[in-house]
Amino acid sequence: MSKAYSYILFDLDGTLTDSGPGITNGFAYAVEKMGGQVEDKSAYRKFVGPPLRDSFEKVLGYTGEDTDKAIAFYRDYYFNQGGALENTVYPGIEQLLTDLKAMGKTLIVATSKNIRGTKLVLEHFDLMKYFDFVATANDTDRPHKSDVIRYAFAECGITDPSKAVMVGDRENDISAANEVGIDSIGVLYGYGDEEELTTAGATYLAQTAADVKIFIE
């Protein structure tokens, strides 16, 4: 089943690009700089997508100034040691974006990444040209994905939630979409599995990037 959506919001990490290597290496670097031991970097794959602060505080257990220090170490690796570019565009993404633009859709990035990291990745992979607006998170008024979506709505003049759909690979993408009252497409090629996305309440599931278009008229 498909629906006539006009506004397509895309998560970045795990949806447009496979940023897992840089993110997992960044977390490993931060943990080691904070005096911790890293036995298996793959354990950090679950941090691809959610906000950094949530991952460091709620999962790794850092608090207060230690959280800020750990995030600073992570960003040092990500921005200054090449982590951002340990990354690839998923197969089929550019064709999907090209097709959706040809259909007259408004394409929006809605990510928990900050503006610096988002622009770095989009510009490096020449993806910026496909998007009408880029909505990112920050530590003040947009700490959560639902805040990012609402910001995108306000900036793009979206007043009818039924015309928008969120495309993402993790529970936080789907939960945020549900919170603001829009449909969602959970992609199974990223970092969330079918159980995670179904439990979160995804409206649709797409196996590949090409399958996303099936749900959009």
N, C-alpha and C. Protein backbone atom coordinates (compact mmCIF):
# COMPACT_ATOMS: atom_id res chain seq x y z
N MET A 1 0.84 -1.18 0.00
CA MET A 1 0.00 0.00 0.00
C MET A 1 0.89 1.25 0.00
N SER A 2 0.53 2.24 -0.79
CA SER A 2 1.28 3.49 -0.83
C SER A 2 0.35 4.65 -0.52
N LYS A 3 0.94 5.81 -0.31
CA LYS A 3 0.17 6.98 0.08
C LYS A 3 0.81 8.22 -0.55
N ALA A 4 0.00 9.21 -0.83
CA ALA A 4 0.49 10.40 -1.52
C ALA A 4 1.17 11.37 -0.55
N TYR A 5 2.37 11.03 -0.10
CA TYR A 5 3.14 11.92 0.76
C TYR A 5 3.79 13.01 -0.08
N SER A 6 3.84 14.21 0.44
CA SER A 6 4.50 15.32 -0.24
C SER A 6 5.87 15.62 0.35
N TYR A 7 6.03 15.33 1.65
CA TYR A 7 7.26 15.65 2.36
C TYR A 7 7.90 14.36 2.88
N ILE A 8 9.11 14.11 2.43
CA ILE A 8 9.81 12.89 2.83
C ILE A 8 11.00 13.28 3.70
N LEU A 9 10.96 12.88 4.97
CA LEU A 9 12.03 13.19 5.91
C LEU A 9 12.95 11.98 6.04
N PHE A 10 14.23 12.20 5.87
CA PHE A 10 15.21 11.12 5.93
C PHE A 10 16.14 11.30 7.13
N ASP A 11 16.30 10.23 7.89
CA ASP A 11 17.39 10.13 8.85
C ASP A 11 18.69 10.07 8.04
N LEU A 12 19.82 10.36 8.66
CA LEU A 12 21.10 10.31 7.96
C LEU A 12 21.86 9.02 8.25
N ASP A 13 22.36 8.89 9.49
CA ASP A 13 23.18 7.72 9.84
C ASP A 13 22.35 6.44 9.79
N GLY A 14 22.78 5.49 8.98
CA GLY A 14 22.09 4.21 8.91
C GLY A 14 20.91 4.21 7.95
N THR A 15 20.65 5.36 7.32
CA THR A 15 19.54 5.45 6.38
C THR A 15 20.01 5.96 5.02
N LEU A 16 20.70 7.09 5.01
CA LEU A 16 21.30 7.58 3.78
C LEU A 16 22.72 7.05 3.61
N THR A 17 23.47 7.04 4.70
CA THR A 17 24.85 6.54 4.63
C THR A 17 25.12 5.53 5.73
N ASP A 18 26.05 4.63 5.42
CA ASP A 18 26.50 3.64 6.41
C ASP A 18 27.68 4.24 7.17
N SER A 19 27.35 4.96 8.22
CA SER A 19 28.35 5.68 9.00
C SER A 19 28.87 4.87 10.17
N GLY A 20 28.49 3.60 10.23
CA GLY A 20 28.83 2.75 11.37
C GLY A 20 30.30 2.70 11.72
N PRO A 21 31.20 2.49 10.75
CA PRO A 21 32.62 2.39 11.10
C PRO A 21 33.15 3.61 11.84
N GLY A 22 32.84 4.81 11.34
CA GLY A 22 33.33 6.02 11.99
C GLY A 22 32.73 6.24 13.37
N ILE A 23 31.45 5.90 13.51
CA ILE A 23 30.78 6.10 14.80
C ILE A 23 31.28 5.09 15.83
N THR A 24 31.38 3.83 15.45
CA THR A 24 31.87 2.83 16.42
C THR A 24 33.32 3.11 16.81
N ASN A 25 34.14 3.50 15.85
CA ASN A 25 35.53 3.85 16.17
C ASN A 25 35.58 5.08 17.07
N GLY A 26 34.67 6.03 16.84
CA GLY A 26 34.63 7.23 17.68
C GLY A 26 34.26 6.92 19.11
N PHE A 27 33.29 6.03 19.30
CA PHE A 27 32.92 5.63 20.65
C PHE A 27 34.06 4.88 21.33
N ALA A 28 34.71 3.99 20.59
CA ALA A 28 35.83 3.25 21.17
C ALA A 28 36.95 4.19 21.59
N TYR A 29 37.23 5.17 20.76
CA TYR A 29 38.26 6.16 21.07
C TYR A 29 37.89 6.94 22.33
N ALA A 30 36.63 7.37 22.41
CA ALA A 30 36.19 8.15 23.57
C ALA A 30 36.26 7.33 24.85
N VAL A 31 35.80 6.10 24.79
CA VAL A 31 35.81 5.24 25.98
C VAL A 31 37.24 5.01 26.46
N GLU A 32 38.15 4.77 25.53
CA GLU A 32 39.55 4.54 25.91
C GLU A 32 40.18 5.81 26.48
N LYS A 33 39.87 6.96 25.89
CA LYS A 33 40.41 8.22 26.40
C LYS A 33 39.87 8.53 27.80
N MET A 34 38.68 8.01 28.09
CA MET A 34 38.08 8.20 29.42
C MET A 34 38.59 7.16 30.42
N GLY A 35 39.50 6.30 29.97
CA GLY A 35 40.09 5.32 30.87
C GLY A 35 39.43 3.96 30.85
N GLY A 36 38.48 3.76 29.96
CA GLY A 36 37.78 2.49 29.87
C GLY A 36 38.48 1.49 28.96
N GLN A 37 38.00 0.27 28.97
CA GLN A 37 38.54 -0.79 28.13
C GLN A 37 37.54 -1.12 27.02
N VAL A 38 38.07 -1.31 25.82
CA VAL A 38 37.22 -1.68 24.68
C VAL A 38 37.62 -3.08 24.22
N GLU A 39 36.74 -4.03 24.45
CA GLU A 39 37.02 -5.41 24.06
C GLU A 39 36.44 -5.75 22.69
N ASP A 40 35.32 -5.13 22.34
CA ASP A 40 34.65 -5.45 21.08
C ASP A 40 33.95 -4.21 20.54
N LYS A 41 34.54 -3.59 19.53
CA LYS A 41 33.97 -2.37 18.96
C LYS A 41 32.56 -2.59 18.41
N SER A 42 32.28 -3.80 17.98
CA SER A 42 30.97 -4.06 17.37
C SER A 42 29.83 -3.83 18.36
N ALA A 43 30.15 -3.85 19.66
CA ALA A 43 29.14 -3.59 20.67
C ALA A 43 28.61 -2.16 20.58
N TYR A 44 29.37 -1.29 19.90
CA TYR A 44 28.97 0.11 19.78
C TYR A 44 28.11 0.37 18.55
N ARG A 45 27.82 -0.66 17.78
CA ARG A 45 26.96 -0.49 16.60
C ARG A 45 25.58 0.06 16.99
N LYS A 46 25.15 -0.27 18.19
CA LYS A 46 23.82 0.19 18.63
C LYS A 46 23.76 1.70 18.81
N PHE A 47 24.91 2.36 18.78
CA PHE A 47 24.94 3.81 18.95
C PHE A 47 24.84 4.57 17.63
N VAL A 48 24.71 3.85 16.53
CA VAL A 48 24.52 4.51 15.24
C VAL A 48 23.07 4.97 15.14
N GLY A 49 22.87 6.27 15.21
CA GLY A 49 21.51 6.82 15.09
C GLY A 49 21.06 7.64 16.28
N PRO A 50 21.02 7.08 17.48
CA PRO A 50 20.53 7.85 18.64
C PRO A 50 21.44 9.03 18.97
N PRO A 51 20.91 10.02 19.71
CA PRO A 51 21.74 11.16 20.12
C PRO A 51 22.94 10.73 20.95
N LEU A 52 24.06 11.42 20.77
CA LEU A 52 25.28 11.08 21.50
C LEU A 52 25.06 11.09 23.01
N ARG A 53 24.43 12.13 23.49
CA ARG A 53 24.26 12.26 24.95
C ARG A 53 23.47 11.09 25.52
N ASP A 54 22.44 10.65 24.82
CA ASP A 54 21.67 9.50 25.28
C ASP A 54 22.54 8.26 25.37
N SER A 55 23.39 8.07 24.35
CA SER A 55 24.23 6.87 24.33
C SER A 55 25.27 6.89 25.45
N PHE A 56 25.91 8.03 25.65
CA PHE A 56 26.93 8.11 26.69
C PHE A 56 26.33 8.05 28.09
N GLU A 57 25.16 8.68 28.29
CA GLU A 57 24.58 8.72 29.63
C GLU A 57 23.73 7.49 29.93
N LYS A 58 22.76 7.20 29.08
CA LYS A 58 21.78 6.16 29.39
C LYS A 58 22.33 4.75 29.21
N VAL A 59 23.28 4.58 28.30
CA VAL A 59 23.80 3.23 28.04
C VAL A 59 25.18 3.03 28.67
N LEU A 60 26.09 3.98 28.46
CA LEU A 60 27.45 3.82 28.98
C LEU A 60 27.60 4.32 30.40
N GLY A 61 26.62 5.08 30.89
CA GLY A 61 26.61 5.44 32.30
C GLY A 61 27.43 6.64 32.71
N TYR A 62 27.85 7.46 31.75
CA TYR A 62 28.57 8.68 32.11
C TYR A 62 27.60 9.71 32.68
N THR A 63 28.11 10.58 33.52
CA THR A 63 27.26 11.63 34.11
C THR A 63 28.01 12.95 34.12
N GLY A 64 27.26 14.04 34.14
CA GLY A 64 27.82 15.38 34.32
C GLY A 64 28.95 15.71 33.39
N GLU A 65 30.06 16.19 33.98
CA GLU A 65 31.20 16.62 33.19
C GLU A 65 31.83 15.47 32.40
N ASP A 66 31.72 14.25 32.91
CA ASP A 66 32.28 13.11 32.19
C ASP A 66 31.57 12.90 30.85
N THR A 67 30.27 13.14 30.82
CA THR A 67 29.54 13.03 29.56
C THR A 67 30.08 14.04 28.56
N ASP A 68 30.26 15.27 29.01
CA ASP A 68 30.77 16.32 28.12
C ASP A 68 32.17 15.99 27.63
N LYS A 69 33.01 15.46 28.51
CA LYS A 69 34.37 15.09 28.12
C LYS A 69 34.35 13.96 27.09
N ALA A 70 33.50 12.96 27.33
CA ALA A 70 33.43 11.83 26.41
C ALA A 70 32.93 12.27 25.03
N ILE A 71 31.94 13.15 25.00
CA ILE A 71 31.43 13.65 23.73
C ILE A 71 32.52 14.45 23.01
N ALA A 72 33.30 15.22 23.76
CA ALA A 72 34.39 15.99 23.16
C ALA A 72 35.43 15.06 22.54
N PHE A 73 35.76 13.97 23.22
CA PHE A 73 36.70 13.00 22.66
C PHE A 73 36.13 12.36 21.39
N TYR A 74 34.85 12.00 21.45
CA TYR A 74 34.20 11.41 20.28
C TYR A 74 34.27 12.37 19.09
N ARG A 75 33.94 13.63 19.34
CA ARG A 75 33.93 14.60 18.24
C ARG A 75 35.32 14.89 17.73
N ASP A 76 36.33 14.81 18.60
CA ASP A 76 37.70 14.96 18.15
C ASP A 76 38.04 13.88 17.13
N TYR A 77 37.67 12.65 17.45
CA TYR A 77 37.93 11.56 16.50
C TYR A 77 37.13 11.76 15.23
N TYR A 78 35.85 12.09 15.39
CA TYR A 78 34.94 12.18 14.26
C TYR A 78 35.34 13.30 13.29
N PHE A 79 35.69 14.47 13.83
CA PHE A 79 35.98 15.62 12.97
C PHE A 79 37.45 15.78 12.62
N ASN A 80 38.34 15.41 13.54
CA ASN A 80 39.76 15.71 13.34
C ASN A 80 40.60 14.51 12.94
N GLN A 81 40.05 13.32 13.11
CA GLN A 81 40.84 12.12 12.80
C GLN A 81 40.19 11.25 11.71
N GLY A 82 39.27 11.84 10.96
CA GLY A 82 38.73 11.14 9.79
C GLY A 82 37.51 10.29 10.03
N GLY A 83 36.96 10.29 11.24
CA GLY A 83 35.83 9.43 11.54
C GLY A 83 34.61 9.69 10.68
N ALA A 84 34.36 10.95 10.37
CA ALA A 84 33.17 11.31 9.60
C ALA A 84 33.17 10.67 8.22
N LEU A 85 34.36 10.45 7.68
CA LEU A 85 34.45 9.93 6.32
C LEU A 85 34.72 8.43 6.28
N GLU A 86 34.69 7.78 7.44
CA GLU A 86 34.67 6.30 7.48
C GLU A 86 33.21 5.91 7.26
N ASN A 87 32.76 6.04 6.04
CA ASN A 87 31.34 6.17 5.75
C ASN A 87 31.12 5.91 4.26
N THR A 88 29.98 5.35 3.90
CA THR A 88 29.65 5.15 2.49
C THR A 88 28.15 5.39 2.29
N VAL A 89 27.79 5.80 1.08
CA VAL A 89 26.37 5.96 0.74
C VAL A 89 25.79 4.59 0.45
N TYR A 90 24.63 4.29 1.01
CA TYR A 90 24.01 2.99 0.80
C TYR A 90 23.63 2.80 -0.67
N PRO A 91 23.72 1.57 -1.18
CA PRO A 91 23.31 1.28 -2.55
C PRO A 91 21.86 1.70 -2.79
N GLY A 92 21.63 2.35 -3.91
CA GLY A 92 20.28 2.72 -4.30
C GLY A 92 19.79 4.04 -3.77
N ILE A 93 20.53 4.67 -2.85
CA ILE A 93 20.06 5.92 -2.25
C ILE A 93 19.99 7.05 -3.27
N GLU A 94 21.04 7.22 -4.05
CA GLU A 94 21.04 8.33 -4.99
C GLU A 94 19.94 8.17 -6.04
N GLN A 95 19.69 6.95 -6.47
CA GLN A 95 18.61 6.72 -7.42
C GLN A 95 17.26 7.02 -6.78
N LEU A 96 17.09 6.60 -5.52
CA LEU A 96 15.85 6.88 -4.80
C LEU A 96 15.61 8.37 -4.69
N LEU A 97 16.63 9.11 -4.29
CA LEU A 97 16.49 10.56 -4.13
C LEU A 97 16.20 11.23 -5.47
N THR A 98 16.87 10.77 -6.51
CA THR A 98 16.63 11.30 -7.85
C THR A 98 15.19 11.07 -8.29
N ASP A 99 14.70 9.87 -8.05
CA ASP A 99 13.32 9.52 -8.44
C ASP A 99 12.30 10.35 -7.66
N LEU A 100 12.53 10.50 -6.35
CA LEU A 100 11.58 11.25 -5.53
C LEU A 100 11.56 12.73 -5.93
N LYS A 101 12.72 13.29 -6.26
CA LYS A 101 12.75 14.67 -6.73
C LYS A 101 11.99 14.80 -8.03
N ALA A 102 12.14 13.82 -8.91
CA ALA A 102 11.44 13.84 -10.20
C ALA A 102 9.93 13.75 -10.00
N MET A 103 9.51 13.14 -8.89
CA MET A 103 8.08 13.04 -8.56
C MET A 103 7.54 14.31 -7.92
N GLY A 104 8.42 15.28 -7.71
CA GLY A 104 8.00 16.55 -7.13
C GLY A 104 7.93 16.56 -5.62
N LYS A 105 8.57 15.60 -4.96
CA LYS A 105 8.53 15.53 -3.50
C LYS A 105 9.50 16.54 -2.88
N THR A 106 9.15 17.03 -1.71
CA THR A 106 10.05 17.86 -0.91
C THR A 106 10.85 16.94 -0.01
N LEU A 107 12.16 16.94 -0.16
CA LEU A 107 13.03 16.04 0.61
C LEU A 107 13.74 16.81 1.71
N ILE A 108 13.72 16.22 2.90
CA ILE A 108 14.25 16.87 4.10
C ILE A 108 15.13 15.88 4.86
N VAL A 109 16.29 16.32 5.30
CA VAL A 109 17.09 15.53 6.24
C VAL A 109 16.63 15.88 7.64
N ALA A 110 16.35 14.86 8.46
CA ALA A 110 15.99 15.06 9.86
C ALA A 110 16.86 14.11 10.68
N THR A 111 17.90 14.66 11.29
CA THR A 111 18.91 13.82 11.93
C THR A 111 19.22 14.27 13.35
N SER A 112 19.65 13.32 14.18
CA SER A 112 20.10 13.62 15.54
C SER A 112 21.54 14.10 15.56
N LYS A 113 22.19 14.14 14.39
CA LYS A 113 23.53 14.68 14.28
C LYS A 113 23.48 16.21 14.41
N ASN A 114 24.62 16.82 14.76
CA ASN A 114 24.66 18.27 14.78
C ASN A 114 24.89 18.80 13.37
N ILE A 115 24.76 20.10 13.20
CA ILE A 115 24.82 20.69 11.86
C ILE A 115 26.20 20.51 11.23
N ARG A 116 27.26 20.59 12.04
CA ARG A 116 28.61 20.47 11.49
C ARG A 116 28.83 19.10 10.86
N GLY A 117 28.51 18.05 11.60
CA GLY A 117 28.71 16.70 11.09
C GLY A 117 27.80 16.39 9.91
N THR A 118 26.58 16.88 9.99
CA THR A 118 25.62 16.62 8.91
C THR A 118 26.07 17.24 7.60
N LYS A 119 26.46 18.52 7.65
CA LYS A 119 26.90 19.19 6.43
C LYS A 119 28.17 18.58 5.88
N LEU A 120 29.07 18.16 6.77
CA LEU A 120 30.31 17.54 6.33
C LEU A 120 30.03 16.29 5.51
N VAL A 121 29.15 15.44 6.01
CA VAL A 121 28.83 14.19 5.32
C VAL A 121 28.06 14.44 4.03
N LEU A 122 27.03 15.26 4.09
CA LEU A 122 26.21 15.52 2.90
C LEU A 122 27.02 16.17 1.78
N GLU A 123 27.89 17.10 2.15
CA GLU A 123 28.70 17.77 1.14
C GLU A 123 29.78 16.85 0.58
N HIS A 124 30.39 16.05 1.44
CA HIS A 124 31.44 15.13 0.98
C HIS A 124 30.90 14.14 -0.05
N PHE A 125 29.70 13.64 0.19
CA PHE A 125 29.12 12.65 -0.72
C PHE A 125 28.21 13.27 -1.78
N ASP A 126 28.21 14.60 -1.86
CA ASP A 126 27.42 15.34 -2.86
C ASP A 126 25.93 14.98 -2.80
N LEU A 127 25.42 14.86 -1.58
CA LEU A 127 24.01 14.56 -1.39
C LEU A 127 23.17 15.80 -1.10
N MET A 128 23.83 16.90 -0.74
CA MET A 128 23.10 18.11 -0.36
C MET A 128 22.15 18.58 -1.46
N LYS A 129 22.53 18.36 -2.71
CA LYS A 129 21.75 18.87 -3.85
C LYS A 129 20.34 18.28 -3.92
N TYR A 130 20.12 17.14 -3.27
CA TYR A 130 18.81 16.50 -3.34
C TYR A 130 17.82 17.09 -2.33
N PHE A 131 18.31 17.80 -1.32
CA PHE A 131 17.45 18.16 -0.19
C PHE A 131 17.03 19.62 -0.19
N ASP A 132 15.76 19.81 0.12
CA ASP A 132 15.18 21.15 0.20
C ASP A 132 15.48 21.80 1.55
N PHE A 133 15.68 20.98 2.58
CA PHE A 133 15.97 21.52 3.91
C PHE A 133 16.70 20.47 4.72
N VAL A 134 17.58 20.93 5.60
CA VAL A 134 18.32 20.04 6.49
C VAL A 134 18.04 20.45 7.93
N ALA A 135 17.42 19.54 8.68
CA ALA A 135 17.08 19.78 10.09
C ALA A 135 17.98 18.90 10.95
N THR A 136 18.69 19.54 11.89
CA THR A 136 19.63 18.81 12.74
C THR A 136 19.31 19.03 14.21
N ALA A 137 19.90 18.21 15.04
CA ALA A 137 19.72 18.33 16.49
C ALA A 137 20.75 19.31 17.06
N ASN A 138 20.47 19.77 18.28
CA ASN A 138 21.45 20.53 19.05
C ASN A 138 21.20 20.25 20.53
N ASP A 139 22.02 20.84 21.39
CA ASP A 139 21.93 20.56 22.83
C ASP A 139 20.99 21.51 23.56
N THR A 140 20.33 22.41 22.84
CA THR A 140 19.48 23.41 23.50
C THR A 140 18.00 23.15 23.23
N ASP A 141 17.51 23.60 22.08
CA ASP A 141 16.07 23.48 21.82
C ASP A 141 15.69 22.28 20.96
N ARG A 142 16.68 21.53 20.45
CA ARG A 142 16.37 20.35 19.62
C ARG A 142 17.22 19.15 20.04
N PRO A 143 17.09 18.69 21.28
CA PRO A 143 17.90 17.55 21.72
C PRO A 143 17.37 16.20 21.24
N HIS A 144 16.08 16.12 20.89
CA HIS A 144 15.46 14.85 20.53
C HIS A 144 15.01 14.84 19.07
N LYS A 145 14.88 13.65 18.50
CA LYS A 145 14.47 13.55 17.10
C LYS A 145 13.09 14.17 16.87
N SER A 146 12.19 14.05 17.83
CA SER A 146 10.87 14.67 17.66
C SER A 146 10.99 16.19 17.56
N ASP A 147 11.94 16.78 18.30
CA ASP A 147 12.18 18.22 18.21
C ASP A 147 12.68 18.59 16.82
N VAL A 148 13.53 17.73 16.27
CA VAL A 148 14.09 17.97 14.93
C VAL A 148 12.98 17.94 13.89
N ILE A 149 12.07 16.98 14.01
CA ILE A 149 10.96 16.89 13.06
C ILE A 149 10.06 18.11 13.16
N ARG A 150 9.76 18.51 14.37
CA ARG A 150 8.91 19.70 14.55
C ARG A 150 9.59 20.95 13.97
N TYR A 151 10.88 21.05 14.14
CA TYR A 151 11.65 22.16 13.58
C TYR A 151 11.54 22.15 12.06
N ALA A 152 11.69 20.97 11.46
CA ALA A 152 11.57 20.85 10.00
C ALA A 152 10.18 21.28 9.54
N PHE A 153 9.16 20.86 10.27
CA PHE A 153 7.79 21.25 9.94
C PHE A 153 7.63 22.77 9.95
N ALA A 154 8.14 23.39 11.00
CA ALA A 154 8.00 24.83 11.13
C ALA A 154 8.73 25.57 10.02
N GLU A 155 9.95 25.14 9.74
CA GLU A 155 10.77 25.83 8.75
C GLU A 155 10.27 25.61 7.32
N CYS A 156 9.64 24.47 7.09
CA CYS A 156 9.17 24.13 5.74
C CYS A 156 7.68 24.42 5.54
N GLY A 157 7.05 24.94 6.57
CA GLY A 157 5.63 25.28 6.46
C GLY A 157 4.72 24.08 6.31
N ILE A 158 5.08 22.98 6.94
CA ILE A 158 4.26 21.76 6.86
C ILE A 158 3.17 21.83 7.93
N THR A 159 1.94 21.87 7.49
CA THR A 159 0.81 22.01 8.42
C THR A 159 -0.09 20.78 8.45
N ASP A 160 0.09 19.88 7.49
CA ASP A 160 -0.74 18.66 7.42
C ASP A 160 0.15 17.44 7.64
N PRO A 161 0.17 16.87 8.85
CA PRO A 161 1.03 15.73 9.15
C PRO A 161 0.80 14.52 8.23
N SER A 162 -0.40 14.40 7.69
CA SER A 162 -0.70 13.25 6.84
C SER A 162 0.07 13.30 5.52
N LYS A 163 0.66 14.44 5.21
CA LYS A 163 1.42 14.59 3.97
C LYS A 163 2.90 14.31 4.15
N ALA A 164 3.31 13.96 5.38
CA ALA A 164 4.73 13.75 5.66
C ALA A 164 4.98 12.32 6.13
N VAL A 165 6.17 11.82 5.82
CA VAL A 165 6.57 10.48 6.28
C VAL A 165 8.06 10.53 6.67
N MET A 166 8.40 9.84 7.75
CA MET A 166 9.77 9.77 8.23
C MET A 166 10.39 8.45 7.81
N VAL A 167 11.59 8.51 7.21
CA VAL A 167 12.32 7.31 6.80
C VAL A 167 13.53 7.16 7.70
N GLY A 168 13.62 6.05 8.42
CA GLY A 168 14.75 5.86 9.33
C GLY A 168 14.99 4.40 9.66
N ASP A 169 16.11 4.14 10.32
CA ASP A 169 16.50 2.75 10.58
C ASP A 169 16.46 2.35 12.04
N ARG A 170 16.15 3.29 12.95
CA ARG A 170 16.21 2.96 14.37
C ARG A 170 14.91 3.32 15.07
N GLU A 171 14.77 2.75 16.28
CA GLU A 171 13.58 2.96 17.10
C GLU A 171 13.30 4.44 17.33
N ASN A 172 14.37 5.24 17.54
CA ASN A 172 14.15 6.65 17.84
C ASN A 172 13.55 7.41 16.66
N ASP A 173 13.83 6.97 15.43
CA ASP A 173 13.22 7.58 14.25
C ASP A 173 11.72 7.31 14.23
N ILE A 174 11.36 6.06 14.49
CA ILE A 174 9.96 5.65 14.43
C ILE A 174 9.17 6.25 15.59
N SER A 175 9.73 6.20 16.78
CA SER A 175 9.05 6.75 17.96
C SER A 175 8.83 8.25 17.81
N ALA A 176 9.81 8.95 17.26
CA ALA A 176 9.67 10.39 17.05
C ALA A 176 8.56 10.68 16.05
N ALA A 177 8.51 9.90 14.98
CA ALA A 177 7.44 10.06 13.98
C ALA A 177 6.08 9.86 14.63
N ASN A 178 5.96 8.82 15.43
CA ASN A 178 4.69 8.56 16.12
C ASN A 178 4.33 9.71 17.07
N GLU A 179 5.35 10.24 17.73
CA GLU A 179 5.11 11.32 18.70
C GLU A 179 4.53 12.57 18.03
N VAL A 180 5.00 12.86 16.83
CA VAL A 180 4.50 14.06 16.14
C VAL A 180 3.33 13.75 15.21
N GLY A 181 2.95 12.48 15.14
CA GLY A 181 1.74 12.12 14.40
C GLY A 181 1.91 11.94 12.91
N ILE A 182 3.09 11.44 12.49
CA ILE A 182 3.28 11.17 11.07
C ILE A 182 3.62 9.70 10.85
N ASP A 183 3.42 9.22 9.63
CA ASP A 183 3.76 7.85 9.28
C ASP A 183 5.27 7.68 9.19
N SER A 184 5.70 6.42 9.14
CA SER A 184 7.14 6.15 9.09
C SER A 184 7.43 4.94 8.24
N ILE A 185 8.61 4.95 7.65
CA ILE A 185 9.12 3.82 6.89
C ILE A 185 10.41 3.37 7.56
N GLY A 186 10.40 2.19 8.15
CA GLY A 186 11.59 1.65 8.78
C GLY A 186 12.41 0.89 7.75
N VAL A 187 13.69 1.24 7.59
CA VAL A 187 14.53 0.57 6.60
C VAL A 187 15.35 -0.52 7.29
N LEU A 188 15.36 -1.69 6.67
CA LEU A 188 15.98 -2.86 7.28
C LEU A 188 17.44 -3.05 6.86
N TYR A 189 17.96 -2.19 6.00
CA TYR A 189 19.35 -2.31 5.58
C TYR A 189 20.29 -1.54 6.51
N GLY A 190 19.72 -0.80 7.49
CA GLY A 190 20.53 0.00 8.40
C GLY A 190 20.89 -0.74 9.67
N TYR A 191 20.74 -0.06 10.82
CA TYR A 191 21.23 -0.62 12.07
C TYR A 191 20.14 -1.10 13.03
N GLY A 192 18.90 -0.99 12.61
CA GLY A 192 17.81 -1.53 13.40
C GLY A 192 17.20 -2.73 12.69
N ASP A 193 16.81 -3.75 13.43
CA ASP A 193 16.23 -4.93 12.79
C ASP A 193 14.71 -4.85 12.77
N GLU A 194 14.10 -5.88 12.19
CA GLU A 194 12.64 -5.88 12.03
C GLU A 194 11.94 -5.82 13.38
N GLU A 195 12.44 -6.53 14.37
CA GLU A 195 11.80 -6.52 15.68
C GLU A 195 11.82 -5.12 16.29
N GLU A 196 12.97 -4.46 16.23
CA GLU A 196 13.08 -3.11 16.79
C GLU A 196 12.11 -2.15 16.12
N LEU A 197 12.07 -2.19 14.81
CA LEU A 197 11.25 -1.23 14.06
C LEU A 197 9.76 -1.53 14.18
N THR A 198 9.42 -2.82 14.21
CA THR A 198 8.01 -3.20 14.36
C THR A 198 7.51 -2.85 15.75
N THR A 199 8.31 -3.15 16.76
CA THR A 199 7.94 -2.84 18.13
C THR A 199 7.76 -1.34 18.32
N ALA A 200 8.59 -0.56 17.64
CA ALA A 200 8.50 0.90 17.74
C ALA A 200 7.25 1.44 17.06
N GLY A 201 6.68 0.63 16.15
CA GLY A 201 5.44 1.06 15.51
C GLY A 201 5.59 1.62 14.12
N ALA A 202 6.57 1.13 13.36
CA ALA A 202 6.76 1.59 11.99
C ALA A 202 5.51 1.32 11.15
N THR A 203 5.14 2.31 10.33
CA THR A 203 3.98 2.14 9.45
C THR A 203 4.29 1.13 8.36
N TYR A 204 5.49 1.21 7.81
CA TYR A 204 5.93 0.30 6.74
C TYR A 204 7.37 -0.15 7.03
N LEU A 205 7.77 -1.24 6.38
CA LEU A 205 9.16 -1.71 6.45
C LEU A 205 9.68 -1.86 5.02
N ALA A 206 10.90 -1.39 4.79
CA ALA A 206 11.53 -1.47 3.47
C ALA A 206 12.83 -2.26 3.58
N GLN A 207 12.97 -3.27 2.73
CA GLN A 207 14.19 -4.08 2.75
C GLN A 207 15.37 -3.34 2.15
N THR A 208 15.12 -2.56 1.11
CA THR A 208 16.20 -1.85 0.40
C THR A 208 15.82 -0.39 0.21
N ALA A 209 16.77 0.41 -0.24
CA ALA A 209 16.48 1.81 -0.53
C ALA A 209 15.43 1.91 -1.63
N ALA A 210 15.52 1.07 -2.63
CA ALA A 210 14.56 1.09 -3.73
C ALA A 210 13.15 0.82 -3.23
N ASP A 211 13.02 -0.03 -2.21
CA ASP A 211 11.70 -0.38 -1.69
C ASP A 211 11.00 0.80 -1.02
N VAL A 212 11.76 1.80 -0.59
CA VAL A 212 11.14 2.96 0.07
C VAL A 212 10.12 3.61 -0.86
N LYS A 213 10.45 3.66 -2.14
CA LYS A 213 9.58 4.35 -3.09
C LYS A 213 8.24 3.65 -3.27
N ILE A 214 8.19 2.36 -2.93
CA ILE A 214 6.95 1.60 -3.07
C ILE A 214 5.84 2.21 -2.22
N PHE A 215 6.21 2.80 -1.10
CA PHE A 215 5.21 3.32 -0.16
C PHE A 215 4.89 4.79 -0.38
N ILE A 216 5.47 5.37 -1.41
CA ILE A 216 5.29 6.79 -1.67
C ILE A 216 4.77 6.98 -3.08
N GLU A 217 3.59 7.50 -3.23
CA GLU A 217 3.02 7.71 -4.56
C GLU A 217 3.69 8.92 -5.22
